[in-house]
Amino acid sequence: MSDRKDGSMRLFVDGVLDKKYETNRTSFFKEIGIDYNNVISAHLEHKTGIKNIRNNKKKIIPKTDALVSKEKNIFLSVTSADCIPILFYEPTVKIVGIAHAGWRGIVKKIANKTIEKIIDLGGDPKNIRVAMGPGINKCHFDIGNRISKQFLPYSKLIDKRGDKYFVELKEIINEQLIESGIDKRNIENTRECTFCKSKKYFSYRKEKDPNVGLMISLIGIR
């Protein structure tokens, strides 16, 4: 995963492909030894669209928040700036996956649905390793009463302070992963908060800018 020092990895500005960030992406991929032509990017919709990637012909996949693949030398990527990148690896069948988990996707179980896609490709949840990258923590993720109702199944992970509700999104994801059959010993959570560590990471809520810089997370099998 990139961080602030690597520059913004944003693909689109106001819905239009913006080439000025391509230099940042090219430099970052070169630094970590990945061919830019083999990077597949999700054009996020903040829903639960998931695509199985079979080749590198199409570089940007529209209207999707998760990607899975069994192909070697295909690197799946999502961008984020408070939302949580979730990386999946099934080492026995050799399947990788990546999901962008904002609160809407979490409520709609994007993690569970990505695991279902991996199972469809022959994966076994008992074997799947999962890592959650940096994202906003409960200390700074607050929602209003209307939205809080969507989190009722996870009420024990919500704190009410005044008229605001603070939600621990990563722990919700953790519960969902275990619900899908992932061994808790196979789940890694960095626990870093992008808002708290805004000198290291971009943070949408901290910067309050719709075109805030974005980090990129990638996973693939060489």
C-alpha atoms as a PDB file:
ATOM      1  CA  MET A   1       0.000   0.000   0.000  1.00  0.00           C
ATOM      2  CA  SER A   2       1.223   3.484  -0.826  1.00  0.00           C
ATOM      3  CA  ASP A   3       1.143   6.368   1.635  1.00  0.00           C
ATOM      4  CA  ARG A   4       1.216  10.162   1.490  1.00  0.00           C
ATOM      5  CA  LYS A   5       4.929  10.404   0.608  1.00  0.00           C
ATOM      6  CA  ASP A   6       4.238   8.472  -2.632  1.00  0.00           C
ATOM      7  CA  GLY A   7       1.761  11.133  -3.773  1.00  0.00           C
ATOM      8  CA  SER A   8      -1.897  10.777  -4.659  1.00  0.00           C
ATOM      9  CA  MET A   9      -2.888   7.651  -6.586  1.00  0.00           C
ATOM     10  CA  ARG A  10      -6.248   9.092  -7.615  1.00  0.00           C
ATOM     11  CA  LEU A  11      -7.599   7.953 -10.980  1.00  0.00           C
ATOM     12  CA  PHE A  12     -10.530  10.322 -11.419  1.00  0.00           C
ATOM     13  CA  VAL A  13     -11.306  13.922 -10.521  1.00  0.00           C
ATOM     14  CA  ASP A  14     -15.008  14.833 -10.684  1.00  0.00           C
ATOM     15  CA  GLY A  15     -15.621  11.637 -12.638  1.00  0.00           C
ATOM     16  CA  VAL A  16     -13.011  12.396 -15.303  1.00  0.00           C
ATOM     17  CA  LEU A  17      -9.808  10.375 -15.755  1.00  0.00           C
ATOM     18  CA  ASP A  18      -6.962  12.617 -14.587  1.00  0.00           C
ATOM     19  CA  LYS A  19      -3.564  11.896 -16.125  1.00  0.00           C
ATOM     20  CA  LYS A  20      -1.595  14.161 -13.784  1.00  0.00           C
ATOM     21  CA  TYR A  21      -1.505  11.466 -11.104  1.00  0.00           C
ATOM     22  CA  GLU A  22      -0.216   8.818 -13.514  1.00  0.00           C
ATOM     23  CA  THR A  23       3.395   9.808 -12.755  1.00  0.00           C
ATOM     24  CA  ASN A  24       2.851   8.995  -9.075  1.00  0.00           C
ATOM     25  CA  ARG A  25       1.372   5.617  -9.913  1.00  0.00           C
ATOM     26  CA  THR A  26       4.096   4.760 -12.420  1.00  0.00           C
ATOM     27  CA  SER A  27       6.850   5.669  -9.934  1.00  0.00           C
ATOM     28  CA  PHE A  28       5.253   3.703  -7.112  1.00  0.00           C
ATOM     29  CA  PHE A  29       4.753   0.565  -9.207  1.00  0.00           C
ATOM     30  CA  LYS A  30       8.327   0.773 -10.456  1.00  0.00           C
ATOM     31  CA  GLU A  31       9.603   1.117  -6.885  1.00  0.00           C
ATOM     32  CA  ILE A  32       7.829  -2.072  -5.769  1.00  0.00           C
ATOM     33  CA  GLY A  33       8.740  -3.962  -8.953  1.00  0.00           C
ATOM     34  CA  ILE A  34       5.335  -4.223 -10.612  1.00  0.00           C
ATOM     35  CA  ASP A  35       4.673  -3.642 -14.313  1.00  0.00           C
ATOM     36  CA  TYR A  36       2.103  -0.843 -14.665  1.00  0.00           C
ATOM     37  CA  ASN A  37       0.506  -2.762 -17.545  1.00  0.00           C
ATOM     38  CA  ASN A  38      -0.408  -5.569 -15.156  1.00  0.00           C
ATOM     39  CA  VAL A  39      -2.226  -3.381 -12.610  1.00  0.00           C
ATOM     40  CA  ILE A  40      -6.022  -3.561 -12.715  1.00  0.00           C
ATOM     41  CA  SER A  41      -7.853  -0.730 -10.960  1.00  0.00           C
ATOM     42  CA  ALA A  42     -11.395  -0.694  -9.610  1.00  0.00           C
ATOM     43  CA  HIS A  43     -13.414   2.425 -10.413  1.00  0.00           C
ATOM     44  CA  LEU A  44     -15.230   2.509  -7.100  1.00  0.00           C
ATOM     45  CA  GLU A  45     -18.962   2.867  -6.676  1.00  0.00           C
ATOM     46  CA  HIS A  46     -19.173   2.462  -2.877  1.00  0.00           C
ATOM     47  CA  LYS A  47     -21.474  -0.551  -3.279  1.00  0.00           C
ATOM     48  CA  THR A  48     -20.752  -4.288  -3.556  1.00  0.00           C
ATOM     49  CA  GLY A  49     -19.898  -4.917  -7.208  1.00  0.00           C
ATOM     50  CA  ILE A  50     -17.259  -7.667  -7.569  1.00  0.00           C
ATOM     51  CA  LYS A  51     -15.453  -8.708 -10.756  1.00  0.00           C
ATOM     52  CA  ASN A  52     -13.343 -11.764 -11.583  1.00  0.00           C
ATOM     53  CA  ILE A  53     -10.263 -10.594 -13.520  1.00  0.00           C
ATOM     54  CA  ARG A  54      -8.965 -13.057 -16.132  1.00  0.00           C
ATOM     55  CA  ASN A  55      -6.462 -10.876 -18.036  1.00  0.00           C
ATOM     56  CA  ASN A  56      -4.913  -7.414 -18.133  1.00  0.00           C
ATOM     57  CA  LYS A  57      -6.687  -6.151 -21.248  1.00  0.00           C
ATOM     58  CA  LYS A  58      -8.996  -3.796 -19.356  1.00  0.00           C
ATOM     59  CA  LYS A  59      -7.066  -1.631 -16.885  1.00  0.00           C
ATOM     60  CA  ILE A  60      -9.986   0.128 -15.154  1.00  0.00           C
ATOM     61  CA  ILE A  61     -13.024  -1.886 -14.104  1.00  0.00           C
ATOM     62  CA  PRO A  62     -16.124   0.329 -13.766  1.00  0.00           C
ATOM     63  CA  LYS A  63     -18.720   0.211 -11.011  1.00  0.00           C
ATOM     64  CA  THR A  64     -16.944  -2.243  -8.754  1.00  0.00           C
ATOM     65  CA  ASP A  65     -15.565  -2.248  -5.219  1.00  0.00           C
ATOM     66  CA  ALA A  66     -13.867  -5.651  -5.180  1.00  0.00           C
ATOM     67  CA  LEU A  67     -11.742  -7.708  -7.561  1.00  0.00           C
ATOM     68  CA  VAL A  68     -10.680 -11.375  -7.506  1.00  0.00           C
ATOM     69  CA  SER A  69      -8.338 -13.368  -9.728  1.00  0.00           C
ATOM     70  CA  LYS A  70      -6.561 -16.709 -10.184  1.00  0.00           C
ATOM     71  CA  GLU A  71      -4.181 -15.330 -12.803  1.00  0.00           C
ATOM     72  CA  LYS A  72      -0.443 -14.909 -12.219  1.00  0.00           C
ATOM     73  CA  ASN A  73       1.142 -11.464 -12.693  1.00  0.00           C
ATOM     74  CA  ILE A  74      -2.207  -9.672 -12.448  1.00  0.00           C
ATOM     75  CA  PHE A  75      -2.190  -7.082  -9.663  1.00  0.00           C
ATOM     76  CA  LEU A  76      -5.575  -6.028  -8.329  1.00  0.00           C
ATOM     77  CA  SER A  77      -5.913  -2.568  -6.810  1.00  0.00           C
ATOM     78  CA  VAL A  78      -8.274  -0.246  -4.990  1.00  0.00           C
ATOM     79  CA  THR A  79      -7.792   3.303  -3.739  1.00  0.00           C
ATOM     80  CA  SER A  80      -8.768   4.688  -0.354  1.00  0.00           C
ATOM     81  CA  ALA A  81      -8.516   7.659   2.018  1.00  0.00           C
ATOM     82  CA  ASP A  82     -10.320   6.507   5.214  1.00  0.00           C
ATOM     83  CA  CYS A  83     -12.187   3.546   3.742  1.00  0.00           C
ATOM     84  CA  ILE A  84     -10.549   0.219   4.535  1.00  0.00           C
ATOM     85  CA  PRO A  85      -8.700  -1.850   1.929  1.00  0.00           C
ATOM     86  CA  ILE A  86      -9.143  -5.596   2.542  1.00  0.00           C
ATOM     87  CA  LEU A  87      -6.701  -8.021   0.911  1.00  0.00           C
ATOM     88  CA  PHE A  88      -7.465 -11.732   0.475  1.00  0.00           C
ATOM     89  CA  TYR A  89      -5.133 -14.622  -0.368  1.00  0.00           C
ATOM     90  CA  GLU A  90      -6.076 -18.282  -0.785  1.00  0.00           C
ATOM     91  CA  PRO A  91      -2.651 -20.029  -0.861  1.00  0.00           C
ATOM     92  CA  THR A  92      -3.800 -23.538  -1.755  1.00  0.00           C
ATOM     93  CA  VAL A  93      -5.693 -22.740  -4.963  1.00  0.00           C
ATOM     94  CA  LYS A  94      -3.711 -19.497  -5.456  1.00  0.00           C
ATOM     95  CA  ILE A  95      -6.499 -16.926  -5.546  1.00  0.00           C
ATOM     96  CA  VAL A  96      -6.163 -13.261  -4.646  1.00  0.00           C
ATOM     97  CA  GLY A  97      -8.811 -10.669  -3.938  1.00  0.00           C
ATOM     98  CA  ILE A  98      -9.090  -7.066  -2.833  1.00  0.00           C
ATOM     99  CA  ALA A  99     -12.042  -5.040  -1.582  1.00  0.00           C
ATOM    100  CA  HIS A 100     -12.694  -1.383  -0.831  1.00  0.00           C
ATOM    101  CA  ALA A 101     -14.752  -1.239   2.362  1.00  0.00           C
ATOM    102  CA  GLY A 102     -16.497   2.031   3.110  1.00  0.00           C
ATOM    103  CA  TRP A 103     -19.360   2.057   5.588  1.00  0.00           C
ATOM    104  CA  ARG A 104     -21.940   1.395   2.871  1.00  0.00           C
ATOM    105  CA  GLY A 105     -20.023  -1.626   1.608  1.00  0.00           C
ATOM    106  CA  ILE A 106     -19.493  -2.892   5.140  1.00  0.00           C
ATOM    107  CA  VAL A 107     -23.217  -2.699   5.927  1.00  0.00           C
ATOM    108  CA  LYS A 108     -23.885  -4.628   2.700  1.00  0.00           C
ATOM    109  CA  LYS A 109     -21.161  -7.174   3.580  1.00  0.00           C
ATOM    110  CA  ILE A 110     -18.627  -6.535   0.828  1.00  0.00           C
ATOM    111  CA  ALA A 111     -16.088  -8.737   2.685  1.00  0.00           C
ATOM    112  CA  ASN A 112     -18.470 -11.715   2.852  1.00  0.00           C
ATOM    113  CA  LYS A 113     -19.423 -11.338  -0.796  1.00  0.00           C
ATOM    114  CA  THR A 114     -15.765 -11.223  -1.854  1.00  0.00           C
ATOM    115  CA  ILE A 115     -15.167 -14.468   0.043  1.00  0.00           C
ATOM    116  CA  GLU A 116     -18.135 -16.012  -1.775  1.00  0.00           C
ATOM    117  CA  LYS A 117     -16.488 -15.122  -5.106  1.00  0.00           C
ATOM    118  CA  ILE A 118     -13.233 -16.724  -3.957  1.00  0.00           C
ATOM    119  CA  ILE A 119     -15.181 -19.863  -2.995  1.00  0.00           C
ATOM    120  CA  ASP A 120     -16.807 -19.843  -6.459  1.00  0.00           C
ATOM    121  CA  LEU A 121     -13.276 -19.975  -7.913  1.00  0.00           C
ATOM    122  CA  GLY A 122     -12.473 -23.059  -5.850  1.00  0.00           C
ATOM    123  CA  GLY A 123     -11.159 -21.448  -2.672  1.00  0.00           C
ATOM    124  CA  ASP A 124     -11.714 -22.712   0.864  1.00  0.00           C
ATOM    125  CA  PRO A 125     -12.439 -20.118   3.582  1.00  0.00           C
ATOM    126  CA  LYS A 126     -10.412 -22.186   6.047  1.00  0.00           C
ATOM    127  CA  ASN A 127      -7.325 -21.413   3.963  1.00  0.00           C
ATOM    128  CA  ILE A 128      -7.978 -17.753   3.198  1.00  0.00           C
ATOM    129  CA  ARG A 129      -5.626 -15.164   4.703  1.00  0.00           C
ATOM    130  CA  VAL A 130      -7.027 -11.648   5.108  1.00  0.00           C
ATOM    131  CA  ALA A 131      -5.326  -8.330   5.849  1.00  0.00           C
ATOM    132  CA  MET A 132      -7.030  -5.038   6.625  1.00  0.00           C
ATOM    133  CA  GLY A 133      -5.012  -1.955   5.724  1.00  0.00           C
ATOM    134  CA  PRO A 134      -5.110   1.450   7.413  1.00  0.00           C
ATOM    135  CA  GLY A 135      -8.506   3.144   7.576  1.00  0.00           C
ATOM    136  CA  ILE A 136     -10.502   5.406   9.844  1.00  0.00           C
ATOM    137  CA  ASN A 137     -11.048   4.116  13.396  1.00  0.00           C
ATOM    138  CA  LYS A 138     -13.898   4.576  15.853  1.00  0.00           C
ATOM    139  CA  CYS A 139     -12.156   7.585  17.421  1.00  0.00           C
ATOM    140  CA  HIS A 140     -12.981   9.663  14.328  1.00  0.00           C
ATOM    141  CA  PHE A 141     -15.735   7.831  12.451  1.00  0.00           C
ATOM    142  CA  ASP A 142     -19.046   9.303  13.572  1.00  0.00           C
ATOM    143  CA  ILE A 143     -22.470   8.985  11.968  1.00  0.00           C
ATOM    144  CA  GLY A 144     -25.909  10.465  12.531  1.00  0.00           C
ATOM    145  CA  ASN A 145     -29.004   8.786  13.931  1.00  0.00           C
ATOM    146  CA  ARG A 146     -30.467   7.978  10.498  1.00  0.00           C
ATOM    147  CA  ILE A 147     -27.376   6.073   9.373  1.00  0.00           C
ATOM    148  CA  SER A 148     -26.813   4.444  12.770  1.00  0.00           C
ATOM    149  CA  LYS A 149     -29.954   2.333  12.227  1.00  0.00           C
ATOM    150  CA  GLN A 150     -28.134   0.503   9.439  1.00  0.00           C
ATOM    151  CA  PHE A 151     -25.583  -0.674  12.012  1.00  0.00           C
ATOM    152  CA  LEU A 152     -28.102  -2.166  14.466  1.00  0.00           C
ATOM    153  CA  PRO A 153     -26.694  -5.733  14.091  1.00  0.00           C
ATOM    154  CA  TYR A 154     -23.372  -4.363  15.388  1.00  0.00           C
ATOM    155  CA  SER A 155     -24.674  -2.174  18.217  1.00  0.00           C
ATOM    156  CA  LYS A 156     -21.993  -3.418  20.644  1.00  0.00           C
ATOM    157  CA  LEU A 157     -19.369  -1.829  18.380  1.00  0.00           C
ATOM    158  CA  ILE A 158     -21.043   1.607  18.499  1.00  0.00           C
ATOM    159  CA  ASP A 159     -20.524   4.313  21.129  1.00  0.00           C
ATOM    160  CA  LYS A 160     -23.049   7.137  21.503  1.00  0.00           C
ATOM    161  CA  ARG A 161     -21.614  10.520  22.455  1.00  0.00           C
ATOM    162  CA  GLY A 162     -24.164  13.311  22.513  1.00  0.00           C
ATOM    163  CA  ASP A 163     -26.100  13.145  19.243  1.00  0.00           C
ATOM    164  CA  LYS A 164     -23.336  11.264  17.400  1.00  0.00           C
ATOM    165  CA  TYR A 165     -22.585   7.585  17.039  1.00  0.00           C
ATOM    166  CA  PHE A 166     -18.986   6.360  16.689  1.00  0.00           C
ATOM    167  CA  VAL A 167     -18.484   3.049  14.865  1.00  0.00           C
ATOM    168  CA  GLU A 168     -15.558   0.608  14.867  1.00  0.00           C
ATOM    169  CA  LEU A 169     -15.656  -0.433  11.212  1.00  0.00           C
ATOM    170  CA  LYS A 170     -12.642  -2.762  11.313  1.00  0.00           C
ATOM    171  CA  GLU A 171     -14.134  -4.828  14.125  1.00  0.00           C
ATOM    172  CA  ILE A 172     -17.356  -5.168  12.125  1.00  0.00           C
ATOM    173  CA  ILE A 173     -15.307  -6.451   9.190  1.00  0.00           C
ATOM    174  CA  ASN A 174     -13.519  -8.829  11.564  1.00  0.00           C
ATOM    175  CA  GLU A 175     -16.864 -10.251  12.740  1.00  0.00           C
ATOM    176  CA  GLN A 176     -18.060 -10.625   9.160  1.00  0.00           C
ATOM    177  CA  LEU A 177     -14.890 -12.474   8.143  1.00  0.00           C
ATOM    178  CA  ILE A 178     -15.263 -14.957  10.982  1.00  0.00           C
ATOM    179  CA  GLU A 179     -18.948 -15.330  10.063  1.00  0.00           C
ATOM    180  CA  SER A 180     -17.791 -16.369   6.557  1.00  0.00           C
ATOM    181  CA  GLY A 181     -15.545 -19.106   7.959  1.00  0.00           C
ATOM    182  CA  ILE A 182     -12.215 -17.270   8.121  1.00  0.00           C
ATOM    183  CA  ASP A 183      -9.999 -18.470  10.976  1.00  0.00           C
ATOM    184  CA  LYS A 184      -9.389 -15.496  13.294  1.00  0.00           C
ATOM    185  CA  ARG A 185      -5.689 -16.456  13.327  1.00  0.00           C
ATOM    186  CA  ASN A 186      -5.631 -15.737   9.575  1.00  0.00           C
ATOM    187  CA  ILE A 187      -6.849 -12.147   9.938  1.00  0.00           C
ATOM    188  CA  GLU A 188      -4.365  -9.290  10.155  1.00  0.00           C
ATOM    189  CA  ASN A 189      -5.457  -5.769  11.108  1.00  0.00           C
ATOM    190  CA  THR A 190      -2.967  -2.901  11.027  1.00  0.00           C
ATOM    191  CA  ARG A 191      -5.256  -0.888  13.337  1.00  0.00           C
ATOM    192  CA  GLU A 192      -3.716   2.351  12.028  1.00  0.00           C
ATOM    193  CA  CYS A 193      -6.188   5.232  11.806  1.00  0.00           C
ATOM    194  CA  THR A 194      -5.845   7.367   8.679  1.00  0.00           C
ATOM    195  CA  PHE A 195      -7.365  10.389  10.458  1.00  0.00           C
ATOM    196  CA  CYS A 196      -4.992  10.141  13.430  1.00  0.00           C
ATOM    197  CA  LYS A 197      -1.997   9.539  11.152  1.00  0.00           C
ATOM    198  CA  SER A 198      -2.864  12.111   8.496  1.00  0.00           C
ATOM    199  CA  LYS A 199       0.800  13.038   8.110  1.00  0.00           C
ATOM    200  CA  LYS A 200       1.393   9.505   6.848  1.00  0.00           C
ATOM    201  CA  TYR A 201      -1.919   8.839   5.078  1.00  0.00           C
ATOM    202  CA  PHE A 202      -4.519  10.852   3.184  1.00  0.00           C
ATOM    203  CA  SER A 203      -7.768  11.272   5.120  1.00  0.00           C
ATOM    204  CA  TYR A 204     -11.020  12.417   3.534  1.00  0.00           C
ATOM    205  CA  ARG A 205     -12.634  13.271   6.871  1.00  0.00           C
ATOM    206  CA  LYS A 206      -9.601  15.159   8.154  1.00  0.00           C
ATOM    207  CA  GLU A 207      -9.026  17.183   4.984  1.00  0.00           C
ATOM    208  CA  LYS A 208     -12.693  17.663   4.037  1.00  0.00           C
ATOM    209  CA  ASP A 209     -11.797  17.788   0.347  1.00  0.00           C
ATOM    210  CA  PRO A 210     -13.837  15.795  -2.230  1.00  0.00           C
ATOM    211  CA  ASN A 211     -10.688  15.470  -4.338  1.00  0.00           C
ATOM    212  CA  VAL A 212      -8.419  14.495  -1.446  1.00  0.00           C
ATOM    213  CA  GLY A 213      -5.338  12.438  -2.319  1.00  0.00           C
ATOM    214  CA  LEU A 214      -5.757   8.658  -2.326  1.00  0.00           C
ATOM    215  CA  MET A 215      -3.563   5.722  -1.369  1.00  0.00           C
ATOM    216  CA  ILE A 216      -3.473   2.581  -3.492  1.00  0.00           C
ATOM    217  CA  SER A 217      -3.436  -0.995  -2.206  1.00  0.00           C
ATOM    218  CA  LEU A 218      -2.430  -3.906  -4.423  1.00  0.00           C
ATOM    219  CA  ILE A 219      -2.284  -7.670  -4.309  1.00  0.00           C
ATOM    220  CA  GLY A 220      -1.185 -10.245  -6.875  1.00  0.00           C
ATOM    221  CA  ILE A 221       0.749 -13.454  -7.418  1.00  0.00           C
ATOM    222  CA  ARG A 222       4.026 -13.265  -9.328  1.00  0.00           C
END
